[in-house]
Protein backbone atom coordinates (compact mmCIF):
# COMPACT_ATOMS: atom_id res chain seq x y z
CA MET A 1 -40.38 13.15 113.28
CA LYS A 2 -38.68 10.76 115.90
CA SER A 3 -38.77 11.70 119.41
CA THR A 4 -35.64 12.77 120.76
CA ASN A 5 -36.49 11.12 124.22
CA GLU A 6 -35.54 7.70 122.68
CA THR A 7 -32.32 6.09 124.43
CA LYS A 8 -30.03 5.04 121.65
CA ILE A 9 -27.84 1.99 122.38
CA PRO A 10 -24.38 1.97 120.94
CA SER A 11 -24.17 -0.74 118.37
CA THR A 12 -21.10 -2.94 120.04
CA ASP A 13 -20.45 -6.57 120.06
CA GLU A 14 -21.20 -6.71 123.75
CA ALA A 15 -24.68 -4.76 123.00
CA TRP A 16 -25.75 -7.72 120.48
CA ASP A 17 -24.08 -10.64 122.78
CA ASN A 18 -25.92 -9.36 125.82
CA ARG A 19 -29.23 -8.59 123.76
CA GLU A 20 -29.84 -5.11 124.31
CA LEU A 21 -29.76 -4.87 120.64
CA GLY A 22 -31.66 -7.16 118.15
CA ALA A 23 -33.88 -9.02 120.72
CA ASP A 24 -37.17 -6.66 120.08
CA GLU A 25 -39.75 -8.98 118.97
CA ALA A 26 -41.18 -5.71 116.81
CA TYR A 27 -38.46 -5.97 114.66
CA VAL A 28 -38.85 -9.95 114.00
CA GLY A 29 -39.88 -11.13 110.73
CA VAL A 30 -40.72 -14.77 109.47
CA VAL A 31 -38.45 -15.78 106.36
CA LYS A 32 -38.99 -18.83 104.74
CA ALA A 33 -35.94 -20.15 103.27
CA SER A 34 -34.63 -23.55 102.78
CA ASP A 35 -31.35 -25.08 103.98
CA LEU A 36 -29.80 -24.87 100.93
CA GLN A 37 -30.82 -21.26 100.34
CA LEU A 38 -29.15 -20.64 104.03
CA ASP A 39 -26.23 -22.55 103.35
CA ALA A 40 -25.55 -20.59 100.16
CA ALA A 41 -25.99 -17.40 101.83
CA ALA A 42 -23.81 -18.30 104.60
CA GLY A 43 -21.33 -19.79 102.27
CA THR A 44 -21.64 -23.19 104.62
CA GLN A 45 -22.29 -26.71 104.00
CA LEU A 46 -23.59 -29.27 106.26
CA ILE A 47 -21.48 -32.09 107.08
CA SER A 48 -21.47 -35.27 109.00
CA ILE A 49 -18.66 -36.44 110.94
CA ARG A 50 -18.12 -39.00 113.51
CA LEU A 51 -15.81 -38.36 116.64
CA GLY A 52 -15.07 -40.24 119.93
CA VAL A 53 -17.41 -39.42 122.67
CA SER A 54 -14.49 -38.44 125.14
CA MET A 55 -13.52 -35.84 122.42
CA ILE A 56 -16.91 -34.54 122.08
CA GLU A 57 -17.11 -34.30 125.72
CA ASP A 58 -13.53 -32.34 126.01
CA LEU A 59 -14.69 -29.75 123.15
CA LYS A 60 -17.96 -29.00 125.20
CA LEU A 61 -16.04 -28.55 128.28
CA ILE A 62 -13.51 -26.30 126.68
CA ALA A 63 -16.14 -24.52 124.56
CA ASN A 64 -18.17 -24.02 127.80
CA ILE A 65 -15.06 -22.48 129.69
CA ASN A 66 -14.76 -19.86 127.05
CA GLY A 67 -18.51 -19.26 126.71
CA ILE A 68 -19.12 -20.55 123.31
CA GLY A 69 -20.84 -23.48 122.00
CA TYR A 70 -18.78 -26.69 121.07
CA GLN A 71 -19.57 -26.64 117.18
CA THR A 72 -18.54 -23.07 117.35
CA LEU A 73 -15.24 -24.31 118.84
CA MET A 74 -14.83 -26.87 116.49
CA LYS A 75 -15.11 -24.41 113.45
CA GLN A 76 -12.79 -22.18 115.06
CA VAL A 77 -10.00 -24.98 115.65
CA LEU A 78 -10.37 -26.20 112.36
CA GLY A 79 -10.22 -22.61 110.73
CA ARG A 80 -6.95 -22.20 112.60
CA PHE A 81 -5.56 -25.34 111.41
CA VAL A 82 -6.58 -24.88 107.84
CA GLU A 83 -4.68 -21.44 107.73
CA CYS A 84 -1.68 -22.72 109.35
CA GLU A 85 -1.54 -25.63 106.87
CA LYS A 86 -2.24 -23.35 103.96
CA LYS A 87 0.94 -21.30 104.89
CA ALA A 88 2.92 -24.08 105.46
CA ILE A 89 2.28 -25.47 102.18
CA TRP A 90 2.72 -21.93 100.57
CA ASN A 91 5.74 -21.71 102.02
CA GLN A 92 7.09 -25.11 100.69
CA ILE A 93 5.90 -24.04 97.30
CA VAL A 94 7.64 -20.80 97.33
CA SER A 95 11.07 -22.49 98.87
CA LYS A 96 11.06 -24.78 96.14
CA GLN A 97 10.41 -21.99 93.38
CA LEU A 98 13.21 -20.21 94.62
CA LYS A 99 15.37 -23.06 95.35
CA VAL A 100 16.00 -21.94 99.01
CA GLU A 101 17.21 -24.42 101.36
CA PRO A 102 16.03 -23.67 104.83
CA THR A 103 18.23 -21.65 106.80
CA ARG A 104 20.40 -23.62 109.39
CA GLN A 105 23.25 -22.18 111.50
CA GLU A 106 26.80 -23.80 111.10
CA PRO A 107 28.60 -24.86 113.98
CA ARG A 108 31.03 -22.29 115.30
CA HIS A 109 34.42 -23.77 115.55
CA ARG A 110 36.60 -22.97 118.63
CA LYS A 111 39.91 -21.82 118.44
CA VAL A 112 42.21 -24.33 120.07
CA ALA A 113 44.87 -22.92 122.33
CA GLY A 114 48.47 -22.82 120.52
CA THR A 115 47.05 -22.62 117.18
């Protein structure tokens, strides 16, 4: 039977981020897994990309201001771009299938005095 004197920390993002939860070495175990297994489990793939030094420095600065790593920032930025592009492509496909022209407002004709 567990002691009722134990302090329970609510499971919140903040508790994990500030290491109130998940940092106790008593609960740490070593798991041997290859990079391929980790990638498969996380649904990720390692890539290599060359970016300009100044762009990387800018990304690091922006990430630091936002309190995240620059690679995490890059993943977020790419994710936002991909979602936006997929929506734009989907809208183009649907518009073509429905044969809908983009809406545009016709110019209003002014009444001319005396007509």
